[in-house]
Amino acid sequence: MWGAIKFVAASAGIVCAGAAFSSENTCSLQSGRNKLPVVELYTSEGCSSCPPADRWLSHLKGQSAVVQAFHVGYWDQLGWVDRFATPAHTVRQRQVAAWNRQSSIYTPQAVLDGKDWRNWGGTLDKQAAEPGLAQISLRQLGPDQFEATVTPVAGAPAHWSAYWTVTENGYSSKVQAGENAGEFLQHDFVVRQYTGAGVYTGEAAQRLTFRSIASTPDHSRQINLVVFDPQTGKTLQAITAPC
């Protein structure tokens, strides 16, 4: 049975860009006081136990969270190559395993703010949440060009790190081989780009820049930035914008 977990959404002001970019029509976002939760799902089209987790992730649309489906390729050997998988996703999952002192990786695996989340499911409802340990201000500079200013706040660790992702919704696949042969799978929050943004020391604000892949027609996308503790994987603050 899926359990439920609740959070308070981080308040934020947002202005979103339209199809054409101009100086008057940009996408910008400021993080709120509370930490925005980060949900990661490690999944594969070749894994027969993954479709229920994929469907659950799709139900998180409209929730105040950074939601990401990292497709991995270690099930490809069963005959179906997951077109969304990259080796970098498996590397990240192994890092998550190290943070959680796990001896192996598996799918489907849900991760909440860097912690292995076995009792995943339900919705991300509102209740008291912990304050964020960083502030993020994001703005669009041009077509597929973004800049964020990250400022650690009191209580932040001495070192912090960050990564960017581009996630897109509304994908589907008719699987022809492997454990899901014959199944029609639907995916949202698919990670289409994952880019590390370095490790930083001190309390000074840092400016991070990002050039994203072009958006895919008919697939709404989110630009995400996650700031985390590189020693534990714990989320310090995060931001997501439908740019």
C-alpha atoms as a PDB file:
ATOM      1  CA  MET A   1       0.000   0.000   0.000  1.00  0.00           C
ATOM      2  CA  TRP A   2       1.370   3.386  -0.912  1.00  0.00           C
ATOM      3  CA  GLY A   3       1.946   5.693   2.002  1.00  0.00           C
ATOM      4  CA  ALA A   4       1.405   9.435   1.943  1.00  0.00           C
ATOM      5  CA  ILE A   5       3.901  12.161   2.703  1.00  0.00           C
ATOM      6  CA  LYS A   6       3.076  15.808   3.125  1.00  0.00           C
ATOM      7  CA  PHE A   7       4.933  19.065   2.646  1.00  0.00           C
ATOM      8  CA  VAL A   8       4.348  22.777   2.644  1.00  0.00           C
ATOM      9  CA  ALA A   9       4.938  24.217  -0.808  1.00  0.00           C
ATOM     10  CA  ALA A  10       7.681  26.831  -1.018  1.00  0.00           C
ATOM     11  CA  SER A  11       6.061  30.104  -1.972  1.00  0.00           C
ATOM     12  CA  ALA A  12       7.494  31.620  -5.125  1.00  0.00           C
ATOM     13  CA  GLY A  13       6.710  34.199  -7.758  1.00  0.00           C
ATOM     14  CA  ILE A  14       7.012  33.100 -11.360  1.00  0.00           C
ATOM     15  CA  VAL A  15       6.767  34.645 -14.815  1.00  0.00           C
ATOM     16  CA  CYS A  16       6.875  32.190 -17.731  1.00  0.00           C
ATOM     17  CA  ALA A  17       8.034  32.687 -21.280  1.00  0.00           C
ATOM     18  CA  GLY A  18       5.865  32.123 -24.310  1.00  0.00           C
ATOM     19  CA  ALA A  19       6.919  30.370 -27.486  1.00  0.00           C
ATOM     20  CA  ALA A  20       9.084  33.276 -28.665  1.00  0.00           C
ATOM     21  CA  PHE A  21      11.785  34.802 -26.480  1.00  0.00           C
ATOM     22  CA  SER A  22      12.098  38.558 -25.994  1.00  0.00           C
ATOM     23  CA  SER A  23      13.438  40.852 -23.282  1.00  0.00           C
ATOM     24  CA  GLU A  24       9.842  41.520 -22.194  1.00  0.00           C
ATOM     25  CA  ASN A  25       8.830  37.858 -22.268  1.00  0.00           C
ATOM     26  CA  THR A  26      11.144  35.854 -20.036  1.00  0.00           C
ATOM     27  CA  CYS A  27      10.937  33.148 -17.420  1.00  0.00           C
ATOM     28  CA  SER A  28      12.084  33.963 -13.878  1.00  0.00           C
ATOM     29  CA  LEU A  29      11.610  32.406 -10.472  1.00  0.00           C
ATOM     30  CA  GLN A  30      12.631  33.045  -6.867  1.00  0.00           C
ATOM     31  CA  SER A  31      12.749  30.232  -4.296  1.00  0.00           C
ATOM     32  CA  GLY A  32      10.602  30.525  -1.190  1.00  0.00           C
ATOM     33  CA  ARG A  33      11.601  30.308   2.459  1.00  0.00           C
ATOM     34  CA  ASN A  34      10.865  26.594   2.757  1.00  0.00           C
ATOM     35  CA  LYS A  35      12.787  23.873   0.972  1.00  0.00           C
ATOM     36  CA  LEU A  36      11.134  22.533  -2.162  1.00  0.00           C
ATOM     37  CA  PRO A  37      11.170  18.722  -2.002  1.00  0.00           C
ATOM     38  CA  VAL A  38      13.014  16.781  -4.692  1.00  0.00           C
ATOM     39  CA  VAL A  39      11.662  13.423  -5.894  1.00  0.00           C
ATOM     40  CA  GLU A  40      13.827  11.182  -8.087  1.00  0.00           C
ATOM     41  CA  LEU A  41      12.580   7.960  -9.659  1.00  0.00           C
ATOM     42  CA  TYR A  42      15.079   5.504 -11.129  1.00  0.00           C
ATOM     43  CA  THR A  43      13.160   3.520 -13.700  1.00  0.00           C
ATOM     44  CA  SER A  44      13.468   1.599 -16.961  1.00  0.00           C
ATOM     45  CA  GLU A  45      11.200   0.595 -19.813  1.00  0.00           C
ATOM     46  CA  GLY A  46      12.781  -2.859 -19.542  1.00  0.00           C
ATOM     47  CA  CYS A  47      11.729  -3.390 -15.915  1.00  0.00           C
ATOM     48  CA  SER A  48       8.350  -5.103 -15.380  1.00  0.00           C
ATOM     49  CA  SER A  49       7.872  -3.609 -11.901  1.00  0.00           C
ATOM     50  CA  CYS A  50       8.500  -0.031 -13.070  1.00  0.00           C
ATOM     51  CA  PRO A  51       5.195   0.928 -14.816  1.00  0.00           C
ATOM     52  CA  PRO A  52       3.251   1.347 -11.516  1.00  0.00           C
ATOM     53  CA  ALA A  53       5.978   3.697 -10.279  1.00  0.00           C
ATOM     54  CA  ASP A  54       5.892   5.615 -13.568  1.00  0.00           C
ATOM     55  CA  ARG A  55       2.123   6.042 -13.228  1.00  0.00           C
ATOM     56  CA  TRP A  56       2.495   7.245  -9.639  1.00  0.00           C
ATOM     57  CA  LEU A  57       5.075   9.826 -10.742  1.00  0.00           C
ATOM     58  CA  SER A  58       2.650  11.170 -13.358  1.00  0.00           C
ATOM     59  CA  HIS A  59       0.116  11.752 -10.582  1.00  0.00           C
ATOM     60  CA  LEU A  60       2.510  14.284  -9.021  1.00  0.00           C
ATOM     61  CA  LYS A  61       1.661  16.861 -11.679  1.00  0.00           C
ATOM     62  CA  GLY A  62       0.603  20.061  -9.960  1.00  0.00           C
ATOM     63  CA  GLN A  63       2.488  19.222  -6.755  1.00  0.00           C
ATOM     64  CA  SER A  64       5.021  21.708  -5.395  1.00  0.00           C
ATOM     65  CA  ALA A  65       8.179  19.675  -5.917  1.00  0.00           C
ATOM     66  CA  VAL A  66      11.006  18.988  -8.327  1.00  0.00           C
ATOM     67  CA  VAL A  67       9.981  15.649  -9.875  1.00  0.00           C
ATOM     68  CA  GLN A  68      12.428  13.708 -12.053  1.00  0.00           C
ATOM     69  CA  ALA A  69      12.367  10.308 -13.790  1.00  0.00           C
ATOM     70  CA  PHE A  70      15.946   9.119 -14.345  1.00  0.00           C
ATOM     71  CA  HIS A  71      15.803   6.253 -16.842  1.00  0.00           C
ATOM     72  CA  VAL A  72      18.674   3.766 -16.504  1.00  0.00           C
ATOM     73  CA  GLY A  73      20.071   1.359 -19.072  1.00  0.00           C
ATOM     74  CA  TYR A  74      21.127  -1.714 -17.126  1.00  0.00           C
ATOM     75  CA  TRP A  75      17.918  -3.513 -18.138  1.00  0.00           C
ATOM     76  CA  ASP A  76      18.672  -2.996 -21.848  1.00  0.00           C
ATOM     77  CA  GLN A  77      20.415  -6.385 -21.991  1.00  0.00           C
ATOM     78  CA  LEU A  78      16.996  -8.095 -21.837  1.00  0.00           C
ATOM     79  CA  GLY A  79      16.254  -7.007 -25.393  1.00  0.00           C
ATOM     80  CA  TRP A  80      14.634  -3.556 -25.175  1.00  0.00           C
ATOM     81  CA  VAL A  81      16.786  -0.416 -25.222  1.00  0.00           C
ATOM     82  CA  ASP A  82      15.294   2.412 -23.166  1.00  0.00           C
ATOM     83  CA  ARG A  83      15.733   5.496 -25.363  1.00  0.00           C
ATOM     84  CA  PHE A  84      15.680   7.824 -22.347  1.00  0.00           C
ATOM     85  CA  ALA A  85      18.493   6.072 -20.454  1.00  0.00           C
ATOM     86  CA  THR A  86      22.052   7.398 -20.217  1.00  0.00           C
ATOM     87  CA  PRO A  87      25.102   6.130 -18.299  1.00  0.00           C
ATOM     88  CA  ALA A  88      25.116   9.383 -16.307  1.00  0.00           C
ATOM     89  CA  HIS A  89      21.799   8.417 -14.707  1.00  0.00           C
ATOM     90  CA  THR A  90      23.252   5.130 -13.476  1.00  0.00           C
ATOM     91  CA  VAL A  91      26.300   6.976 -12.123  1.00  0.00           C
ATOM     92  CA  ARG A  92      23.999   9.266 -10.163  1.00  0.00           C
ATOM     93  CA  GLN A  93      22.002   6.316  -8.828  1.00  0.00           C
ATOM     94  CA  ARG A  94      25.227   4.719  -7.613  1.00  0.00           C
ATOM     95  CA  GLN A  95      26.078   7.964  -5.825  1.00  0.00           C
ATOM     96  CA  VAL A  96      22.641   7.904  -4.179  1.00  0.00           C
ATOM     97  CA  ALA A  97      23.357   4.322  -3.090  1.00  0.00           C
ATOM     98  CA  ALA A  98      26.664   5.431  -1.560  1.00  0.00           C
ATOM     99  CA  TRP A  99      24.944   8.225   0.375  1.00  0.00           C
ATOM    100  CA  ASN A 100      22.418   5.703   1.675  1.00  0.00           C
ATOM    101  CA  ARG A 101      25.044   3.007   2.363  1.00  0.00           C
ATOM    102  CA  GLN A 102      23.370   0.584  -0.023  1.00  0.00           C
ATOM    103  CA  SER A 103      25.373  -2.232  -1.554  1.00  0.00           C
ATOM    104  CA  SER A 104      23.400  -2.337  -4.813  1.00  0.00           C
ATOM    105  CA  ILE A 105      21.052  -0.359  -7.022  1.00  0.00           C
ATOM    106  CA  TYR A 106      17.572  -1.359  -8.174  1.00  0.00           C
ATOM    107  CA  THR A 107      14.470  -0.238 -10.071  1.00  0.00           C
ATOM    108  CA  PRO A 108      12.054   1.192  -9.423  1.00  0.00           C
ATOM    109  CA  GLN A 109      13.805   3.275  -6.792  1.00  0.00           C
ATOM    110  CA  ALA A 110      12.258   6.443  -5.427  1.00  0.00           C
ATOM    111  CA  VAL A 111      14.498   8.950  -3.681  1.00  0.00           C
ATOM    112  CA  LEU A 112      13.261  11.877  -1.596  1.00  0.00           C
ATOM    113  CA  ASP A 113      15.736  14.688  -0.899  1.00  0.00           C
ATOM    114  CA  GLY A 114      18.651  12.292  -1.331  1.00  0.00           C
ATOM    115  CA  LYS A 115      17.214   9.526   0.860  1.00  0.00           C
ATOM    116  CA  ASP A 116      16.102   6.117  -0.372  1.00  0.00           C
ATOM    117  CA  TRP A 117      12.275   6.173  -0.160  1.00  0.00           C
ATOM    118  CA  ARG A 118      10.910   2.627   0.032  1.00  0.00           C
ATOM    119  CA  ASN A 119       7.415   3.682   1.151  1.00  0.00           C
ATOM    120  CA  TRP A 120       6.863   5.912  -1.870  1.00  0.00           C
ATOM    121  CA  GLY A 121       3.379   6.726  -3.103  1.00  0.00           C
ATOM    122  CA  GLY A 122       0.476   9.022  -2.454  1.00  0.00           C
ATOM    123  CA  THR A 123       0.641  12.766  -2.952  1.00  0.00           C
ATOM    124  CA  LEU A 124       2.850  15.603  -1.743  1.00  0.00           C
ATOM    125  CA  ASP A 125       0.316  17.530   0.302  1.00  0.00           C
ATOM    126  CA  LYS A 126       0.905  20.625   2.367  1.00  0.00           C
ATOM    127  CA  GLN A 127       2.121  20.601   5.940  1.00  0.00           C
ATOM    128  CA  ALA A 128       4.969  22.199   7.878  1.00  0.00           C
ATOM    129  CA  ALA A 129       8.261  21.837   6.002  1.00  0.00           C
ATOM    130  CA  GLU A 130      11.822  22.616   7.007  1.00  0.00           C
ATOM    131  CA  PRO A 131      13.355  25.923   5.921  1.00  0.00           C
ATOM    132  CA  GLY A 132      15.629  25.872   2.918  1.00  0.00           C
ATOM    133  CA  LEU A 133      19.344  26.302   3.508  1.00  0.00           C
ATOM    134  CA  ALA A 134      19.895  28.285   0.330  1.00  0.00           C
ATOM    135  CA  GLN A 135      18.107  30.883  -1.738  1.00  0.00           C
ATOM    136  CA  ILE A 136      17.843  30.534  -5.507  1.00  0.00           C
ATOM    137  CA  SER A 137      16.991  33.184  -8.055  1.00  0.00           C
ATOM    138  CA  LEU A 138      16.594  31.913 -11.618  1.00  0.00           C
ATOM    139  CA  ARG A 139      16.100  33.848 -14.839  1.00  0.00           C
ATOM    140  CA  GLN A 140      16.118  33.111 -18.531  1.00  0.00           C
ATOM    141  CA  LEU A 141      18.806  34.958 -20.502  1.00  0.00           C
ATOM    142  CA  GLY A 142      17.778  33.846 -23.965  1.00  0.00           C
ATOM    143  CA  PRO A 143      16.462  30.849 -25.881  1.00  0.00           C
ATOM    144  CA  ASP A 144      17.588  27.818 -23.833  1.00  0.00           C
ATOM    145  CA  GLN A 145      19.974  29.931 -21.748  1.00  0.00           C
ATOM    146  CA  PHE A 146      19.501  30.297 -17.998  1.00  0.00           C
ATOM    147  CA  GLU A 147      21.258  31.853 -15.024  1.00  0.00           C
ATOM    148  CA  ALA A 148      20.760  31.221 -11.312  1.00  0.00           C
ATOM    149  CA  THR A 149      22.167  32.949  -8.263  1.00  0.00           C
ATOM    150  CA  VAL A 150      22.549  30.600  -5.286  1.00  0.00           C
ATOM    151  CA  THR A 151      23.050  32.117  -1.830  1.00  0.00           C
ATOM    152  CA  PRO A 152      23.645  29.833   1.182  1.00  0.00           C
ATOM    153  CA  VAL A 153      21.839  30.867   4.372  1.00  0.00           C
ATOM    154  CA  ALA A 154      22.492  30.281   8.069  1.00  0.00           C
ATOM    155  CA  GLY A 155      22.847  26.585   8.828  1.00  0.00           C
ATOM    156  CA  ALA A 156      24.079  25.609   5.356  1.00  0.00           C
ATOM    157  CA  PRO A 157      27.008  23.165   5.213  1.00  0.00           C
ATOM    158  CA  ALA A 158      30.503  24.473   4.508  1.00  0.00           C
ATOM    159  CA  HIS A 159      30.413  22.866   1.053  1.00  0.00           C
ATOM    160  CA  TRP A 160      27.460  22.662  -1.305  1.00  0.00           C
ATOM    161  CA  SER A 161      26.878  21.380  -4.811  1.00  0.00           C
ATOM    162  CA  ALA A 162      24.185  21.661  -7.476  1.00  0.00           C
ATOM    163  CA  TYR A 163      22.893  20.116 -10.664  1.00  0.00           C
ATOM    164  CA  TRP A 164      20.529  21.137 -13.464  1.00  0.00           C
ATOM    165  CA  THR A 165      17.977  18.948 -15.210  1.00  0.00           C
ATOM    166  CA  VAL A 166      15.561  19.388 -18.068  1.00  0.00           C
ATOM    167  CA  THR A 167      12.442  17.244 -17.631  1.00  0.00           C
ATOM    168  CA  GLU A 168       9.671  16.762 -20.182  1.00  0.00           C
ATOM    169  CA  ASN A 169       6.148  15.335 -20.047  1.00  0.00           C
ATOM    170  CA  GLY A 170       3.880  13.366 -22.338  1.00  0.00           C
ATOM    171  CA  TYR A 171       6.070  10.578 -23.737  1.00  0.00           C
ATOM    172  CA  SER A 172       4.910   7.081 -24.639  1.00  0.00           C
ATOM    173  CA  SER A 173       6.469   3.876 -25.937  1.00  0.00           C
ATOM    174  CA  LYS A 174       5.133   0.639 -27.359  1.00  0.00           C
ATOM    175  CA  VAL A 175       7.598  -1.879 -25.960  1.00  0.00           C
ATOM    176  CA  GLN A 176       8.478  -4.696 -28.349  1.00  0.00           C
ATOM    177  CA  ALA A 177      10.831  -6.858 -26.264  1.00  0.00           C
ATOM    178  CA  GLY A 178      12.085  -7.556 -22.760  1.00  0.00           C
ATOM    179  CA  GLU A 179      10.021  -7.852 -19.577  1.00  0.00           C
ATOM    180  CA  ASN A 180       7.460  -5.284 -20.778  1.00  0.00           C
ATOM    181  CA  ALA A 181       7.013  -6.707 -24.283  1.00  0.00           C
ATOM    182  CA  GLY A 182       3.616  -5.705 -25.665  1.00  0.00           C
ATOM    183  CA  GLU A 183       3.035  -2.957 -23.091  1.00  0.00           C
ATOM    184  CA  PHE A 184       2.166   0.650 -23.923  1.00  0.00           C
ATOM    185  CA  LEU A 185       4.065   2.815 -21.450  1.00  0.00           C
ATOM    186  CA  GLN A 186       3.497   6.483 -20.693  1.00  0.00           C
ATOM    187  CA  HIS A 187       6.032   8.774 -19.036  1.00  0.00           C
ATOM    188  CA  ASP A 188       6.145  12.218 -17.462  1.00  0.00           C
ATOM    189  CA  PHE A 189       8.980  14.189 -15.844  1.00  0.00           C
ATOM    190  CA  VAL A 190      11.483  12.338 -18.058  1.00  0.00           C
ATOM    191  CA  VAL A 191      15.028  13.625 -17.493  1.00  0.00           C
ATOM    192  CA  ARG A 192      16.226  14.678 -20.939  1.00  0.00           C
ATOM    193  CA  GLN A 193      19.339  16.510 -19.717  1.00  0.00           C
ATOM    194  CA  TYR A 194      21.333  16.178 -16.501  1.00  0.00           C
ATOM    195  CA  THR A 195      24.254  18.544 -15.891  1.00  0.00           C
ATOM    196  CA  GLY A 196      26.390  18.895 -12.786  1.00  0.00           C
ATOM    197  CA  ALA A 197      27.072  22.462 -11.648  1.00  0.00           C
ATOM    198  CA  GLY A 198      30.149  22.026  -9.448  1.00  0.00           C
ATOM    199  CA  VAL A 199      31.028  22.124  -5.753  1.00  0.00           C
ATOM    200  CA  TYR A 200      31.321  25.405  -3.844  1.00  0.00           C
ATOM    201  CA  THR A 201      32.725  26.524  -0.499  1.00  0.00           C
ATOM    202  CA  GLY A 202      31.695  29.383   1.755  1.00  0.00           C
ATOM    203  CA  GLU A 203      28.746  31.676   2.276  1.00  0.00           C
ATOM    204  CA  ALA A 204      29.172  33.874  -0.790  1.00  0.00           C
ATOM    205  CA  ALA A 205      26.539  33.882  -3.511  1.00  0.00           C
ATOM    206  CA  GLN A 206      27.456  31.995  -6.671  1.00  0.00           C
ATOM    207  CA  ARG A 207      26.211  32.565 -10.206  1.00  0.00           C
ATOM    208  CA  LEU A 208      25.478  29.375 -12.158  1.00  0.00           C
ATOM    209  CA  THR A 209      24.788  29.384 -15.891  1.00  0.00           C
ATOM    210  CA  PHE A 210      23.127  26.683 -17.957  1.00  0.00           C
ATOM    211  CA  ARG A 211      22.485  26.059 -21.644  1.00  0.00           C
ATOM    212  CA  SER A 212      19.675  23.561 -22.061  1.00  0.00           C
ATOM    213  CA  ILE A 213      18.789  21.350 -24.954  1.00  0.00           C
ATOM    214  CA  ALA A 214      16.016  22.726 -27.130  1.00  0.00           C
ATOM    215  CA  SER A 215      12.498  21.980 -25.981  1.00  0.00           C
ATOM    216  CA  THR A 216      10.732  19.121 -27.772  1.00  0.00           C
ATOM    217  CA  PRO A 217       7.523  20.100 -29.595  1.00  0.00           C
ATOM    218  CA  ASP A 218       4.341  18.898 -27.879  1.00  0.00           C
ATOM    219  CA  HIS A 219       6.213  17.974 -24.687  1.00  0.00           C
ATOM    220  CA  SER A 220       5.988  20.523 -21.887  1.00  0.00           C
ATOM    221  CA  ARG A 221       9.275  20.944 -20.078  1.00  0.00           C
ATOM    222  CA  GLN A 222      10.627  22.029 -16.722  1.00  0.00           C
ATOM    223  CA  ILE A 223      14.011  23.619 -15.998  1.00  0.00           C
ATOM    224  CA  ASN A 224      15.193  22.401 -12.589  1.00  0.00           C
ATOM    225  CA  LEU A 225      18.079  23.365 -10.321  1.00  0.00           C
ATOM    226  CA  VAL A 226      18.794  21.298  -7.200  1.00  0.00           C
ATOM    227  CA  VAL A 227      21.241  22.512  -4.531  1.00  0.00           C
ATOM    228  CA  PHE A 228      22.424  19.769  -2.186  1.00  0.00           C
ATOM    229  CA  ASP A 229      24.969  18.707   0.433  1.00  0.00           C
ATOM    230  CA  PRO A 230      27.663  16.722  -1.449  1.00  0.00           C
ATOM    231  CA  GLN A 231      28.469  14.720   1.698  1.00  0.00           C
ATOM    232  CA  THR A 232      24.952  13.369   2.227  1.00  0.00           C
ATOM    233  CA  GLY A 233      22.916  14.177  -0.893  1.00  0.00           C
ATOM    234  CA  LYS A 234      20.401  16.086   1.222  1.00  0.00           C
ATOM    235  CA  THR A 235      18.493  18.808  -0.608  1.00  0.00           C
ATOM    236  CA  LEU A 236      19.302  22.326   0.599  1.00  0.00           C
ATOM    237  CA  GLN A 237      16.947  24.065  -1.821  1.00  0.00           C
ATOM    238  CA  ALA A 238      15.540  23.481  -5.283  1.00  0.00           C
ATOM    239  CA  ILE A 239      13.611  25.297  -7.957  1.00  0.00           C
ATOM    240  CA  THR A 240      11.542  24.244 -10.971  1.00  0.00           C
ATOM    241  CA  ALA A 241      10.260  26.475 -13.755  1.00  0.00           C
ATOM    242  CA  PRO A 242       8.112  25.603 -16.807  1.00  0.00           C
ATOM    243  CA  CYS A 243      10.329  27.641 -19.150  1.00  0.00           C
END
